[in-house]
Amino acid sequence: MGTDVVGRPRIKGLARPLLVGVTGTIGAGKSVLARAMAASPGVKLLDADRIGHEALRPASPLIPALVRRFGRDILAPGGGVDRRALARKVFASPGRVSALNGVVHPWLLATLCGRIARLNRRRGVAIVVVDAALLCEWGLSHGMDRVVVVDAPPAKRRLWLRERGLSLAQIRSREAAQWPPSRKRRCGQILVSNTGSERALAGRGRRLVRDWLRRLQLPRLQGRMPS
């Protein structure tokens, strides 16, 4: 088929949905970009953070392992995990972050890959967008057709996170659990600099999708709307 980006499949004539990974340091705005992309017909969004939340719901098979590791006081009244209580425990110690990841990440990755495989077979899907903060750290970037890295100045990122209710210590602990911005930038082929408004960032996402849809030219999309 050839390539139009080094090491990545050529977009035109791709016989399956284009797989786009969106990542960035916490607070950079990657989810704003990913949601804007997914607003276009023919585009499906897989949000790794939302899938991770499923691991904390009452029916999750991971609840017993999480209770054994972090104690019953992480449980919410309905039987799921109280995310705030868990976060207070986990981010108090780097070792606990690794312990949580060891429980949740294998299940999360298997679930995410299974959903990608199902969308690859679904008619009417032209692009699958994977929104994942740890896309590169997990090695998922190697399986993406395109990787978009959203970057933003540290002051802007931290201001936005403080507005969400995170303390400076919490922000630093979450940043420490990810690759530094410079390494994340090297992971992608497309760098989006978030130095303006949220509206401008969303507009960049929509423009990227329009360009990809134009270049894909998938016959199976003609006359069909995504399910």
Protein backbone atom coordinates (compact mmCIF):
# COMPACT_ATOMS: atom_id res chain seq x y z
CA MET A 1 0.00 0.00 0.00
CA GLY A 2 2.90 2.36 0.69
CA THR A 3 3.08 5.16 3.24
CA ASP A 4 2.59 8.92 3.31
CA VAL A 5 4.02 9.24 6.84
CA VAL A 6 7.21 7.34 7.64
CA GLY A 7 6.31 3.94 9.06
CA ARG A 8 2.53 4.50 8.83
CA PRO A 9 -0.03 3.22 6.28
CA ARG A 10 -1.09 5.50 3.45
CA ILE A 11 -4.51 6.98 4.14
CA LYS A 12 -6.02 6.94 0.66
CA GLY A 13 -7.75 3.65 -0.08
CA LEU A 14 -7.32 2.21 3.43
CA ALA A 15 -9.56 -0.87 3.59
CA ARG A 16 -10.47 -0.48 7.27
CA PRO A 17 -11.11 2.47 9.59
CA LEU A 18 -8.22 4.86 10.10
CA LEU A 19 -6.93 4.36 13.65
CA VAL A 20 -5.96 7.67 15.28
CA GLY A 21 -4.39 7.92 18.72
CA VAL A 22 -4.75 11.19 20.63
CA THR A 23 -2.53 11.79 23.64
CA GLY A 24 -0.83 14.53 25.63
CA THR A 25 0.31 15.47 29.10
CA ILE A 26 -2.44 15.85 31.71
CA GLY A 27 -4.30 19.13 31.26
CA ALA A 28 -3.06 19.75 27.71
CA GLY A 29 -6.53 19.41 26.15
CA LYS A 30 -6.35 16.06 24.35
CA SER A 31 -9.93 15.11 25.25
CA VAL A 32 -11.28 18.41 23.87
CA LEU A 33 -9.55 17.62 20.58
CA ALA A 34 -10.68 13.98 20.55
CA ARG A 35 -14.34 14.85 21.27
CA ALA A 36 -14.31 17.43 18.47
CA MET A 37 -12.99 14.78 16.08
CA ALA A 38 -15.70 12.34 17.13
CA ALA A 39 -18.48 14.85 16.39
CA SER A 40 -18.13 14.12 12.66
CA PRO A 41 -20.23 11.37 11.01
CA GLY A 42 -18.24 8.21 10.46
CA VAL A 43 -15.96 8.81 13.45
CA LYS A 44 -16.09 6.73 16.65
CA LEU A 45 -14.38 7.65 19.91
CA LEU A 46 -12.82 5.23 22.40
CA ASP A 47 -11.96 7.04 25.63
CA ALA A 48 -9.44 5.06 27.69
CA ASP A 49 -10.29 7.06 30.80
CA ARG A 50 -13.98 6.16 30.53
CA ILE A 51 -13.10 2.51 30.00
CA GLY A 52 -10.90 2.72 33.08
CA HIS A 53 -13.91 4.00 35.05
CA GLU A 54 -15.75 0.82 34.06
CA ALA A 55 -13.14 -1.10 36.05
CA LEU A 56 -14.40 0.68 39.18
CA ARG A 57 -18.12 -0.02 38.75
CA PRO A 58 -19.96 -2.51 41.01
CA ALA A 59 -20.03 -5.28 38.37
CA SER A 60 -16.31 -5.00 37.59
CA PRO A 61 -14.30 -8.23 37.95
CA LEU A 62 -11.43 -6.14 39.33
CA ILE A 63 -13.20 -5.02 42.54
CA PRO A 64 -11.91 -7.92 44.73
CA ALA A 65 -8.29 -7.33 43.66
CA LEU A 66 -8.59 -3.58 44.28
CA VAL A 67 -10.07 -4.15 47.76
CA ARG A 68 -7.31 -6.63 48.64
CA ARG A 69 -4.65 -4.11 47.60
CA PHE A 70 -6.12 -0.84 48.87
CA GLY A 71 -8.67 -1.78 51.56
CA ARG A 72 -12.45 -1.80 51.87
CA ASP A 73 -12.59 1.93 52.61
CA ILE A 74 -12.19 2.60 48.86
CA LEU A 75 -15.68 1.18 48.26
CA ALA A 76 -18.66 3.40 47.52
CA PRO A 77 -22.10 2.61 49.04
CA GLY A 78 -23.29 0.90 45.84
CA GLY A 79 -20.41 -1.59 45.82
CA GLY A 80 -18.21 0.10 43.23
CA VAL A 81 -15.03 2.03 43.95
CA ASP A 82 -15.12 5.61 45.23
CA ARG A 83 -12.71 7.20 42.75
CA ARG A 84 -11.80 10.08 45.04
CA ALA A 85 -11.04 7.76 47.96
CA LEU A 86 -8.94 5.55 45.70
CA ALA A 87 -7.07 8.54 44.25
CA ARG A 88 -6.23 9.85 47.73
CA LYS A 89 -4.62 6.53 48.59
CA VAL A 90 -2.93 5.88 45.26
CA PHE A 91 -1.34 9.26 44.63
CA ALA A 92 0.04 9.45 48.16
CA SER A 93 2.82 7.07 47.09
CA PRO A 94 4.47 6.32 43.69
CA GLY A 95 4.52 2.62 44.56
CA ARG A 96 0.76 2.59 44.90
CA VAL A 97 0.37 4.07 41.42
CA SER A 98 2.30 1.10 40.03
CA ALA A 99 0.17 -1.30 42.08
CA LEU A 100 -3.06 0.20 40.72
CA ASN A 101 -1.75 0.09 37.17
CA GLY A 102 -0.81 -3.55 37.62
CA VAL A 103 -4.42 -4.39 38.46
CA VAL A 104 -6.29 -2.14 36.02
CA HIS A 105 -4.12 -1.71 32.93
CA PRO A 106 -4.07 -5.31 31.61
CA TRP A 107 -7.90 -5.42 31.74
CA LEU A 108 -8.20 -1.92 30.28
CA LEU A 109 -5.87 -2.67 27.38
CA ALA A 110 -7.62 -5.95 26.56
CA THR A 111 -11.00 -4.19 26.64
CA LEU A 112 -9.77 -1.30 24.49
CA CYS A 113 -8.20 -3.60 21.89
CA GLY A 114 -11.38 -5.69 21.75
CA ARG A 115 -13.48 -2.60 21.06
CA ILE A 116 -11.07 -1.45 18.36
CA ALA A 117 -11.37 -4.85 16.69
CA ARG A 118 -15.19 -4.65 16.74
CA LEU A 119 -15.20 -1.16 15.25
CA ASN A 120 -12.82 -2.33 12.52
CA ARG A 121 -15.59 -4.68 11.37
CA ARG A 122 -18.50 -2.23 11.68
CA ARG A 123 -19.88 -0.69 8.51
CA GLY A 124 -20.09 3.06 8.37
CA VAL A 125 -17.02 3.68 10.53
CA ALA A 126 -14.29 5.60 8.73
CA ILE A 127 -12.12 6.69 11.68
CA VAL A 128 -11.61 5.32 15.18
CA VAL A 129 -10.16 7.88 17.60
CA VAL A 130 -8.45 6.51 20.72
CA ASP A 131 -8.17 9.11 23.49
CA ALA A 132 -5.52 7.85 25.92
CA ALA A 133 -3.15 9.76 28.18
CA LEU A 134 -0.82 6.73 28.32
CA LEU A 135 -1.07 5.79 24.64
CA CYS A 136 2.70 5.96 24.18
CA GLU A 137 3.62 4.58 27.59
CA TRP A 138 1.48 1.49 26.91
CA GLY A 139 3.03 0.97 23.47
CA LEU A 140 -0.37 1.44 21.77
CA SER A 141 1.06 4.21 19.61
CA HIS A 142 2.85 1.60 17.49
CA GLY A 143 -0.50 0.19 16.35
CA MET A 144 -1.99 3.54 15.40
CA ASP A 145 -2.11 4.83 11.81
CA ARG A 146 -1.65 8.37 13.13
CA VAL A 147 -0.68 9.68 16.57
CA VAL A 148 -1.71 13.21 17.54
CA VAL A 149 0.05 14.76 20.54
CA VAL A 150 -1.61 17.76 22.18
CA ASP A 151 0.79 20.09 23.97
CA ALA A 152 0.16 23.18 26.10
CA PRO A 153 2.33 25.50 28.24
CA PRO A 154 2.77 24.19 31.80
CA ALA A 155 1.17 27.29 33.34
CA LYS A 156 -1.97 26.86 31.21
CA ARG A 157 -2.22 23.14 31.96
CA ARG A 158 -1.86 23.64 35.70
CA LEU A 159 -4.31 26.53 35.83
CA TRP A 160 -6.96 24.42 34.11
CA LEU A 161 -6.29 21.48 36.46
CA ARG A 162 -6.48 23.73 39.52
CA GLU A 163 -9.86 24.94 38.25
CA ARG A 164 -10.94 21.28 38.17
CA GLY A 165 -10.13 21.03 41.87
CA LEU A 166 -6.71 19.39 41.83
CA SER A 167 -4.05 20.63 44.22
CA LEU A 168 -0.54 21.37 43.00
CA ALA A 169 0.70 18.22 44.75
CA GLN A 170 -1.96 16.13 42.99
CA ILE A 171 -1.05 17.65 39.64
CA ARG A 172 2.64 16.88 40.14
CA SER A 173 1.94 13.29 41.16
CA ARG A 174 -0.17 12.73 38.04
CA GLU A 175 2.45 14.34 35.83
CA ALA A 176 5.08 12.06 37.35
CA ALA A 177 3.02 9.01 36.30
CA GLN A 178 3.32 10.03 32.61
CA TRP A 179 6.16 10.61 30.20
CA PRO A 180 7.42 14.22 30.15
CA PRO A 181 5.99 16.43 27.37
CA SER A 182 9.22 16.33 25.34
CA ARG A 183 9.11 12.53 25.15
CA LYS A 184 5.41 12.50 24.32
CA ARG A 185 6.03 14.92 21.43
CA ARG A 186 8.55 12.52 19.93
CA CYS A 187 5.92 9.77 20.03
CA GLY A 188 3.58 11.44 17.53
CA GLN A 189 3.50 12.48 13.89
CA ILE A 190 1.11 15.39 14.43
CA LEU A 191 1.71 17.98 17.15
CA VAL A 192 -1.18 20.26 18.12
CA SER A 193 -0.14 23.24 20.23
CA ASN A 194 -2.95 24.32 22.55
CA THR A 195 -2.07 27.95 23.17
CA GLY A 196 -5.44 29.50 22.36
CA SER A 197 -9.08 28.90 23.26
CA GLU A 198 -10.92 25.62 23.66
CA ARG A 199 -12.93 26.57 20.59
CA ALA A 200 -9.76 26.96 18.54
CA LEU A 201 -8.51 23.59 19.73
CA ALA A 202 -11.80 21.90 18.79
CA GLY A 203 -11.63 23.56 15.38
CA ARG A 204 -8.21 22.02 14.78
CA GLY A 205 -9.65 18.59 15.56
CA ARG A 206 -12.51 19.06 13.11
CA ARG A 207 -10.11 20.19 10.37
CA LEU A 208 -7.90 17.14 10.85
CA VAL A 209 -10.92 14.84 10.54
CA ARG A 210 -12.22 16.60 7.43
CA ASP A 211 -8.87 16.15 5.75
CA TRP A 212 -8.64 12.47 6.68
CA LEU A 213 -12.20 11.74 5.54
CA ARG A 214 -11.52 13.43 2.21
CA ARG A 215 -8.38 11.39 1.68
CA LEU A 216 -9.83 8.05 2.83
CA GLN A 217 -12.43 7.87 0.03
CA LEU A 218 -13.94 4.65 1.39
CA PRO A 219 -16.63 3.26 -0.94
CA ARG A 220 -18.29 1.44 1.99
CA LEU A 221 -19.25 4.81 3.50
CA GLN A 222 -21.18 6.01 0.46
CA GLY A 223 -24.89 6.13 1.16
CA ARG A 224 -24.48 4.89 4.72
CA MET A 225 -24.59 6.61 8.06
CA PRO A 226 -22.62 5.31 11.03
CA SER A 227 -24.52 3.15 13.48
